Protein backbone atom coordinates (compact mmCIF):
# COMPACT_ATOMS: atom_id res chain seq x y z
CA MET A 1 9.13 14.67 17.36
CA GLY A 2 5.47 15.52 17.72
CA GLN A 3 2.57 14.20 15.69
CA PHE A 4 3.51 12.14 12.64
CA PRO A 5 3.15 14.18 9.41
CA ARG A 6 0.46 12.04 7.78
CA ALA A 7 0.91 11.68 4.00
CA GLN A 8 3.26 14.65 3.77
CA CYS A 9 6.02 12.33 2.59
CA ALA A 10 6.01 9.49 0.11
CA VAL A 11 8.19 6.67 -1.16
CA ALA A 12 9.27 7.74 -4.65
CA GLY A 13 11.69 4.92 -5.46
CA ALA A 14 12.30 1.39 -4.23
CA ALA A 15 14.57 -1.48 -5.24
CA THR A 16 16.17 -4.70 -4.09
CA TYR A 17 19.39 -6.25 -5.33
CA GLY A 18 21.27 -9.52 -5.06
CA VAL A 19 18.75 -11.35 -2.89
CA GLY A 20 19.82 -14.93 -2.27
CA GLU A 21 23.44 -15.28 -3.29
CA CYS A 22 25.59 -12.42 -4.57
CA PRO A 23 29.16 -13.73 -4.48
CA GLY A 24 32.08 -11.40 -5.03
CA HIS A 25 30.25 -8.36 -3.68
CA SER A 26 30.86 -6.55 -0.42
CA ALA A 27 27.92 -5.47 1.70
CA MET A 28 28.49 -1.87 0.58
CA GLU A 29 28.54 -2.83 -3.10
CA ILE A 30 25.24 -4.69 -2.72
CA ALA A 31 23.71 -1.70 -0.92
CA MET A 32 24.94 0.72 -3.55
CA HIS A 33 23.49 -1.34 -6.40
CA ALA A 34 20.13 -1.25 -4.62
CA ALA A 35 20.48 2.49 -3.97
CA LEU A 36 21.26 3.33 -7.59
CA ASP A 37 18.35 1.17 -8.75
CA ALA A 38 16.01 2.92 -6.30
CA LEU A 39 17.16 6.31 -7.57
CA ASP A 40 16.54 5.17 -11.14
CA ASP A 41 13.12 3.91 -10.10
CA ALA A 42 12.31 7.42 -8.89
CA GLY A 43 13.93 9.13 -11.86
CA LEU A 44 16.46 10.88 -9.63
CA ALA A 45 20.25 11.06 -9.36
CA ALA A 46 22.56 10.72 -6.38
CA GLY A 47 22.98 14.48 -6.28
CA ASP A 48 19.27 14.85 -5.47
CA ILE A 49 19.79 13.09 -2.12
CA ASP A 50 20.45 15.36 0.86
CA ALA A 51 19.79 12.90 3.70
CA VAL A 52 21.21 9.39 4.04
CA PHE A 53 19.97 6.67 6.37
CA GLY A 54 21.08 3.08 6.70
CA CYS A 55 23.29 0.54 8.34
CA LEU A 56 25.64 -2.22 7.28
CA PRO A 57 26.49 -5.42 9.17
CA GLY A 58 30.11 -4.50 9.91
CA ASP A 59 30.26 -0.70 9.55
CA LEU A 60 29.56 1.44 12.62
CA PHE A 61 29.73 4.56 10.42
CA ALA A 62 27.58 3.29 7.56
CA GLY A 63 25.78 6.61 7.13
CA LEU A 64 29.10 8.29 6.40
CA SER A 65 30.18 5.44 4.13
CA PHE A 66 26.97 5.57 2.09
CA ALA A 67 27.43 9.30 1.50
CA GLU A 68 31.05 8.81 0.50
CA TYR A 69 30.24 6.01 -1.95
CA LEU A 70 27.47 8.10 -3.49
CA GLY A 71 29.84 11.07 -3.79
CA ILE A 72 27.46 13.44 -2.05
CA ASN A 73 27.56 15.83 0.92
CA PRO A 74 24.18 15.31 2.65
CA ARG A 75 22.71 17.71 5.17
CA PHE A 76 21.82 14.81 7.44
CA THR A 77 23.05 11.25 8.01
CA ASP A 78 21.84 8.61 10.43
CA ASN A 79 22.89 5.01 10.97
CA ASN A 80 20.88 4.34 14.12
CA ARG A 81 20.67 0.58 14.74
CA THR A 82 17.79 -1.17 16.43
CA GLY A 83 18.22 -4.42 14.50
CA GLY A 84 15.76 -5.30 11.76
CA SER A 85 13.39 -2.51 12.79
CA SER A 86 16.07 0.11 12.08
CA PHE A 87 14.73 0.98 8.65
CA MET A 88 11.19 1.68 9.83
CA SER A 89 12.70 3.99 12.44
CA HIS A 90 14.81 5.61 9.72
CA LEU A 91 11.61 6.27 7.79
CA VAL A 92 10.03 7.93 10.85
CA THR A 93 13.01 10.27 11.17
CA ALA A 94 13.13 10.95 7.43
CA CYS A 95 9.46 11.90 7.27
CA HIS A 96 9.74 14.26 10.23
CA GLY A 97 12.87 15.84 8.74
CA ILE A 98 11.30 16.36 5.32
CA ALA A 99 8.07 17.73 6.80
CA ALA A 100 10.09 20.15 8.95
CA GLY A 101 12.15 21.34 5.98
CA ALA A 102 15.45 20.05 7.39
CA PHE A 103 16.13 18.22 4.12
CA ASP A 104 14.26 17.41 0.92
CA THR A 105 15.00 13.89 -0.26
CA ALA A 106 16.22 10.92 1.77
CA LEU A 107 17.82 7.62 0.85
CA ILE A 108 17.35 4.60 3.14
CA ALA A 109 19.66 1.72 2.21
CA TYR A 110 20.98 -1.63 3.38
CA GLY A 111 23.19 -4.39 2.05
CA SER A 112 24.63 -7.64 3.33
CA ASN A 113 26.75 -10.47 1.97
CA GLN A 114 25.94 -12.65 4.96
CA ARG A 115 25.53 -15.87 2.97
CA SER A 116 28.41 -15.60 0.52
CA GLY A 117 30.57 -14.20 3.30
CA GLY A 118 30.07 -17.36 5.34
CA GLY A 119 27.75 -15.90 7.98
CA ARG A 120 25.45 -17.92 10.21
CA LEU A 121 22.03 -17.23 11.70
CA SER A 122 22.85 -18.42 15.22
CA THR A 123 25.88 -17.88 17.43
CA PRO A 124 26.58 -18.65 21.10
CA ALA A 125 25.10 -16.02 23.38
CA GLY A 126 27.52 -13.29 24.39
CA TRP A 127 25.80 -10.09 23.36
CA ASN A 128 24.91 -9.22 26.94
CA GLU A 129 25.81 -10.51 30.38
CA TRP A 130 22.29 -11.59 31.33
CA ASP A 131 21.49 -13.95 28.47
CA ALA A 132 25.06 -15.25 28.17
CA MET A 133 24.77 -16.87 31.60
CA ALA A 134 22.06 -19.22 30.29
CA GLY A 135 24.21 -20.48 27.42
CA ALA A 136 21.52 -19.61 24.93
CA ILE A 137 22.03 -19.48 21.16
CA PHE A 138 21.65 -16.00 19.74
CA PRO A 139 19.08 -15.13 18.54
CA VAL A 140 17.05 -18.31 18.09
CA SER A 141 16.82 -19.30 21.76
CA ALA A 142 15.08 -16.04 22.65
CA TYR A 143 12.38 -16.67 20.05
CA ALA A 144 12.14 -20.31 21.09
CA LEU A 145 11.46 -19.10 24.63
CA ALA A 146 8.61 -16.90 23.38
CA ALA A 147 7.24 -19.78 21.30
CA ALA A 148 7.34 -22.18 24.24
CA ARG A 149 5.53 -19.69 26.46
CA HIS A 150 2.88 -19.04 23.81
CA MET A 151 2.32 -22.78 23.47
CA HIS A 152 2.00 -23.08 27.25
CA GLU A 153 -0.35 -20.13 27.66
CA TYR A 154 -2.59 -20.58 24.63
CA GLY A 155 -2.18 -24.13 23.37
CA THR A 156 -0.37 -23.06 20.20
CA THR A 157 0.98 -26.09 18.35
CA ARG A 158 4.03 -26.85 16.24
CA GLU A 159 1.61 -27.51 13.38
CA GLN A 160 0.34 -23.93 13.68
CA LEU A 161 3.89 -22.61 13.66
CA ALA A 162 4.47 -24.73 10.55
CA GLU A 163 1.49 -23.04 8.85
CA VAL A 164 3.53 -19.81 8.86
CA ALA A 165 6.50 -21.43 7.14
CA VAL A 166 4.33 -23.25 4.60
CA ALA A 167 2.43 -20.06 3.73
CA ALA A 168 5.72 -18.23 3.21
CA ARG A 169 6.86 -20.91 0.75
CA GLN A 170 3.57 -20.72 -1.12
CA TRP A 171 3.98 -16.98 -1.59
CA ALA A 172 7.65 -17.44 -2.55
CA ALA A 173 6.68 -19.96 -5.23
CA GLY A 174 5.12 -17.10 -7.19
CA ASN A 175 8.07 -14.74 -6.74
CA PRO A 176 11.05 -15.27 -9.09
CA GLU A 177 13.25 -13.20 -6.77
CA ALA A 178 12.62 -15.45 -3.77
CA PHE A 179 15.53 -17.65 -2.70
CA MET A 180 13.58 -20.66 -1.40
CA ARG A 181 10.69 -21.53 -3.74
CA GLU A 182 10.45 -25.31 -3.30
CA PRO A 183 7.20 -26.68 -1.82
CA LEU A 184 7.09 -27.33 1.92
CA THR A 185 4.59 -29.33 3.96
CA ILE A 186 3.37 -29.14 7.54
CA GLU A 187 4.77 -32.62 8.14
CA GLU A 188 8.24 -31.64 6.90
CA CYS A 189 8.26 -28.68 9.29
CA VAL A 190 7.15 -30.68 12.31
CA GLU A 191 9.61 -33.50 11.62
CA ALA A 192 12.58 -31.22 10.88
CA ARG A 193 15.68 -31.04 13.04
CA ILE A 194 15.17 -28.97 16.18
CA ILE A 195 17.39 -25.89 16.37
CA SER A 196 16.24 -24.56 19.75
CA SER A 197 13.17 -26.27 21.15
CA PRO A 198 10.41 -25.91 20.08
CA LEU A 199 11.72 -24.24 16.90
CA GLY A 200 12.96 -26.47 14.10
CA LYS A 201 14.90 -25.82 10.92
CA PHE A 202 11.93 -24.48 8.94
CA ASP A 203 10.80 -22.23 11.79
CA CYS A 204 13.97 -20.18 11.24
CA CYS A 205 14.60 -17.53 8.60
CA LEU A 206 17.00 -17.96 5.72
CA VAL A 207 20.60 -16.78 5.67
CA THR A 208 21.06 -14.89 2.39
CA ASP A 209 22.79 -11.99 0.71
CA GLY A 210 20.78 -9.00 -0.43
CA GLY A 211 20.35 -5.26 -0.58
CA ALA A 212 17.41 -2.87 -0.53
CA ALA A 213 16.89 0.87 -0.83
CA MET A 214 14.09 3.44 -0.76
CA VAL A 215 13.95 7.07 -1.81
CA VAL A 216 11.64 9.28 0.24
CA THR A 217 10.63 12.85 -0.51
CA SER A 218 7.64 15.14 -0.07
CA THR A 219 4.43 13.79 -1.55
CA GLU A 220 4.06 17.02 -3.51
CA ARG A 221 7.45 16.55 -5.15
CA ALA A 222 6.93 12.82 -5.65
CA ARG A 223 3.87 13.54 -7.82
CA ASP A 224 6.22 14.81 -10.52
CA LEU A 225 8.62 11.87 -10.45
CA ARG A 226 8.77 8.64 -12.45
CA LYS A 227 6.56 6.31 -10.41
CA PRO A 228 3.26 6.80 -8.57
CA PRO A 229 3.98 8.10 -5.05
CA VAL A 230 3.30 5.84 -2.08
CA PRO A 231 2.44 8.20 0.80
CA VAL A 232 3.55 7.31 4.31
CA LEU A 233 0.29 7.58 6.24
CA GLY A 234 1.60 6.75 9.69
CA ALA A 235 4.50 5.22 11.57
CA ALA A 236 5.62 4.55 15.12
CA ALA A 237 8.33 2.67 17.00
CA ALA A 238 8.57 1.25 20.51
CA THR A 239 11.36 -0.40 22.49
CA TRP A 240 10.63 -2.31 25.68
CA TYR A 241 14.00 -3.93 26.46
CA ASN A 242 17.18 -5.27 24.91
CA SER A 243 17.76 -8.65 26.55
CA VAL A 244 14.84 -11.06 26.33
CA SER A 245 15.58 -12.00 29.95
CA GLN A 246 14.39 -8.50 30.89
CA SER A 247 11.03 -8.84 29.15
CA GLY A 248 7.80 -8.96 31.08
CA ASP A 249 5.27 -11.03 29.17
CA LEU A 250 7.03 -13.14 26.54
CA THR A 251 3.81 -13.49 24.56
CA THR A 252 3.31 -9.74 24.04
CA THR A 253 5.75 -7.51 22.17
CA ALA A 254 6.19 -3.77 21.77
CA ALA A 255 4.21 -4.13 18.52
CA ALA A 256 1.20 -3.81 20.83
CA GLU A 257 2.34 -0.20 21.30
CA SER A 258 3.88 0.71 17.94
CA GLY A 259 0.97 -0.70 15.93
CA PRO A 260 -1.85 1.27 17.59
CA ARG A 261 0.19 4.48 17.48
CA ALA A 262 0.91 3.97 13.78
CA TYR A 263 -2.78 3.30 13.14
CA ARG A 264 -3.81 6.46 15.00
CA SER A 265 -1.35 8.63 13.07
CA ALA A 266 -2.64 7.13 9.81
CA GLY A 267 -6.29 7.46 10.81
CA ILE A 268 -7.02 3.77 10.16
CA GLY A 269 -7.48 0.47 11.98
CA PRO A 270 -6.41 -3.12 11.31
CA ALA A 271 -9.61 -3.81 9.37
CA ASP A 272 -8.57 -1.19 6.79
CA VAL A 273 -5.29 -2.93 5.92
CA ASP A 274 -5.21 -4.77 2.58
CA VAL A 275 -1.82 -6.47 2.89
CA VAL A 276 0.58 -7.10 5.78
CA GLN A 277 4.36 -7.43 5.62
CA LEU A 278 5.79 -8.76 8.90
CA TYR A 279 9.33 -9.39 10.05
CA ASP A 280 9.20 -13.19 10.19
CA ALA A 281 12.68 -14.07 11.40
CA PHE A 282 11.00 -17.04 13.11
CA THR A 283 7.52 -18.50 12.71
CA ILE A 284 6.48 -17.38 16.19
CA ASN A 285 7.07 -13.75 15.13
CA THR A 286 4.22 -13.82 12.65
CA ILE A 287 1.80 -15.22 15.23
CA LEU A 288 2.84 -12.72 17.91
CA PHE A 289 2.67 -9.74 15.56
CA LEU A 290 -0.70 -10.66 14.07
CA GLU A 291 -2.04 -10.62 17.62
CA ASP A 292 -0.22 -7.51 18.83
CA LEU A 293 -1.12 -5.54 15.69
CA GLY A 294 -4.80 -6.27 16.14
CA PHE A 295 -5.56 -8.77 13.39
CA CYS A 296 -6.70 -11.31 15.97
CA ALA A 297 -6.99 -11.46 19.74
CA LYS A 298 -4.08 -12.43 21.98
CA GLY A 299 -3.73 -16.18 21.97
CA GLU A 300 -5.65 -16.65 18.73
CA GLY A 301 -2.72 -16.31 16.35
CA GLY A 302 -2.33 -20.07 15.97
CA PRO A 303 -5.93 -20.67 14.85
CA PHE A 304 -5.75 -17.50 12.70
CA VAL A 305 -2.90 -18.86 10.55
CA ALA A 306 -4.23 -22.45 10.51
CA GLY A 307 -5.75 -23.91 7.36
CA GLY A 308 -3.84 -21.55 5.06
CA GLY A 309 -5.15 -18.44 6.81
CA ILE A 310 -2.22 -16.27 5.66
CA ALA A 311 -1.31 -18.24 2.54
CA PRO A 312 -2.38 -17.21 -0.99
CA GLY A 313 -6.18 -17.17 -1.02
CA GLY A 314 -6.37 -17.02 2.79
CA ARG A 315 -8.20 -14.58 5.05
CA LEU A 316 -5.28 -12.12 5.15
CA ALA A 317 -2.42 -11.63 2.69
CA VAL A 318 0.76 -11.75 4.78
CA ASN A 319 4.36 -11.55 3.49
CA THR A 320 3.39 -11.72 -0.14
CA ASN A 321 7.01 -11.92 -1.33
CA GLY A 322 7.78 -14.96 0.85
CA GLY A 323 9.18 -13.02 3.80
CA GLY A 324 12.33 -13.77 5.71
CA LEU A 325 11.41 -17.44 5.83
CA ALA A 326 11.39 -17.94 2.06
CA PHE A 327 12.15 -14.73 0.12
CA GLY A 328 15.41 -13.77 1.78
CA HIS A 329 16.94 -12.67 5.06
CA PRO A 330 20.32 -10.95 4.72
CA GLY A 331 20.81 -10.26 8.42
CA MET A 332 18.17 -7.51 8.73
CA TYR A 333 14.88 -7.71 6.83
CA GLY A 334 12.88 -4.59 7.73
CA LEU A 335 13.57 -2.59 4.57
CA PHE A 336 12.50 -5.50 2.37
CA ALA A 337 9.13 -5.64 4.15
CA MET A 338 8.49 -1.96 3.39
CA ILE A 339 9.52 -2.37 -0.24
CA GLU A 340 7.10 -5.26 -0.70
CA GLY A 341 4.36 -3.02 0.72
CA VAL A 342 5.31 -0.33 -1.81
CA ARG A 343 5.26 -2.83 -4.66
CA GLN A 344 1.84 -4.15 -3.71
CA ILE A 345 0.36 -0.65 -3.63
CA ARG A 346 1.92 0.14 -7.00
CA GLY A 347 0.64 -3.14 -8.45
CA GLU A 348 4.22 -4.31 -9.00
CA GLY A 349 4.29 -7.25 -6.59
CA ALA A 350 5.30 -10.61 -8.03
CA ASN A 351 2.15 -12.02 -6.44
CA ASP A 352 -0.66 -9.72 -7.55
CA ILE A 353 -3.41 -9.73 -4.93
CA GLY A 354 -5.52 -7.10 -6.67
CA GLU A 355 -6.12 -3.49 -5.65
CA VAL A 356 -4.14 -2.49 -2.55
CA ASN A 357 -4.69 0.90 -0.97
CA ILE A 358 -3.21 0.33 2.49
CA ALA A 359 -0.21 -1.80 3.41
CA LEU A 360 1.23 -2.35 6.86
CA ALA A 361 4.95 -3.11 7.16
CA HIS A 362 6.24 -4.11 10.58
CA GLY A 363 9.85 -4.47 11.70
CA ASN A 364 11.38 -6.34 14.62
CA GLY A 365 14.80 -5.77 16.15
CA GLY A 366 16.98 -7.54 18.66
CA THR A 367 15.26 -10.42 20.42
CA LEU A 368 11.67 -9.13 20.17
CA SER A 369 13.18 -5.97 21.69
CA SER A 370 12.41 -3.15 19.26
CA GLN A 371 9.25 -2.93 17.17
CA ALA A 372 8.33 -0.42 14.46
CA SER A 373 5.19 -0.18 12.34
CA VAL A 374 4.66 1.73 9.09
CA VAL A 375 1.36 2.35 7.28
CA LEU A 376 1.74 2.97 3.55
CA GLY A 377 -1.08 4.10 1.29
CA SER A 378 -2.03 4.74 -2.29
CA MET A 379 -2.78 8.25 -3.52
CA ALA A 380 -6.46 7.39 -3.15
CA THR A 381 -6.03 7.45 0.64
CA ILE A 382 -5.10 11.14 0.91
C-alpha cells in the first residue's frame, strides 16, 4: 500500500449502540442502528457512503449485507476478518482508498447479539488442528499460557493482573454506557474462580451485546461536516501467526511491530500519546501491549499497572470507557476502542481526562495472533 497517508483522512462520525444487553435485535440490526447514528453524528446520509467495511459474527458476506441493509451500491466493500483487530485494519484500507481517490466516504461497522443470543466467551478448542490436540479452551487458554509465561519470565503476579481489572471497573464506574460498573477489589480478583490457570473470572472480558460504527472521509471534507474531524495520523497492522502453538516468544506480540510502524507514520512516539485504548480481552493483554507499544520496558508491565497506574488519576489513562473487561465485549472489541479514542479527542468521553490531542487505539485478533495500531489526533496535530 505504500506509506500511510498521514492526516489525509479523518473520522467524521462515530457511535455505539446497544452495549450490554439488547434483546430482540439481530446482530445486523444492532450494527445498523450504530451505523445510522454514526451517519447522523457526521451529518451525512446513507447515500453519502461509497465504501463499506465490517464484519458480523455469523455472516461471511457481511460487507454485502451491510450495503444491502443501507440500500446503497458502494464502489468498494470489505469484510476481511482478523478477529478483534479487523476494524483497525479496515481503517488502514479505508484511508489508503480515500487518499488514492478510489472512494470518498467509508463506513466501518460491527454488531453482535452475543449475550442475548446465548453466546459464551470460551468453547472447547477445535479451531485448528494444532491447539485442539491439547484440549485447550478457546480462546482463554491461549491467553492463560501467555500470562503463565510472563509470570515465569518476569515475576508478574496475579495481583498485578488484578490491577488491570480493577482499573477497568474504576473507569467504567464513570461511564453510564458501561455494562459492569460495580466496584471490584484486588482481593476479589485473586480469590475468584479460575477459568484457565492463572486467569480467573475477573481476568476475562465480558460477554455482551453491542454495535459500533465510524464514518471516515477526507480531512478536507470532514472540516465541513457536523463534528470536529479526528484525523488519522498513522496506522499499521502485523500478523505473526494464527495458532498460539506456533508463536515464538509468548511474552511478545506483533504489537511490537505494528506499534512502532504506526508511530513512525504518525511522526510521534509513545511519550506523545495522551490516552491509550487497548484491546483488553484478558488482563494479560493490557500488560503485554503496554510493553510492546513502548509505554514501559518488556517485563515491567506488572509494576507499571500496580498501585492504580492505569486507573483514573494514574500515570497513564488506559481504556477510559472501561474496556472489554468492564464497558462491553460483544465478541470483537476493536471498533469500540477506536471510538473511545475519537470521543476523548472530541471531549465527549464519559470520563473527561482533559485536553487530548493524540490517542492510540490498539486491536488484537485471534489468540494474540493479529495486532493493529491506530494513532488518532486532534486538528491541532496537523
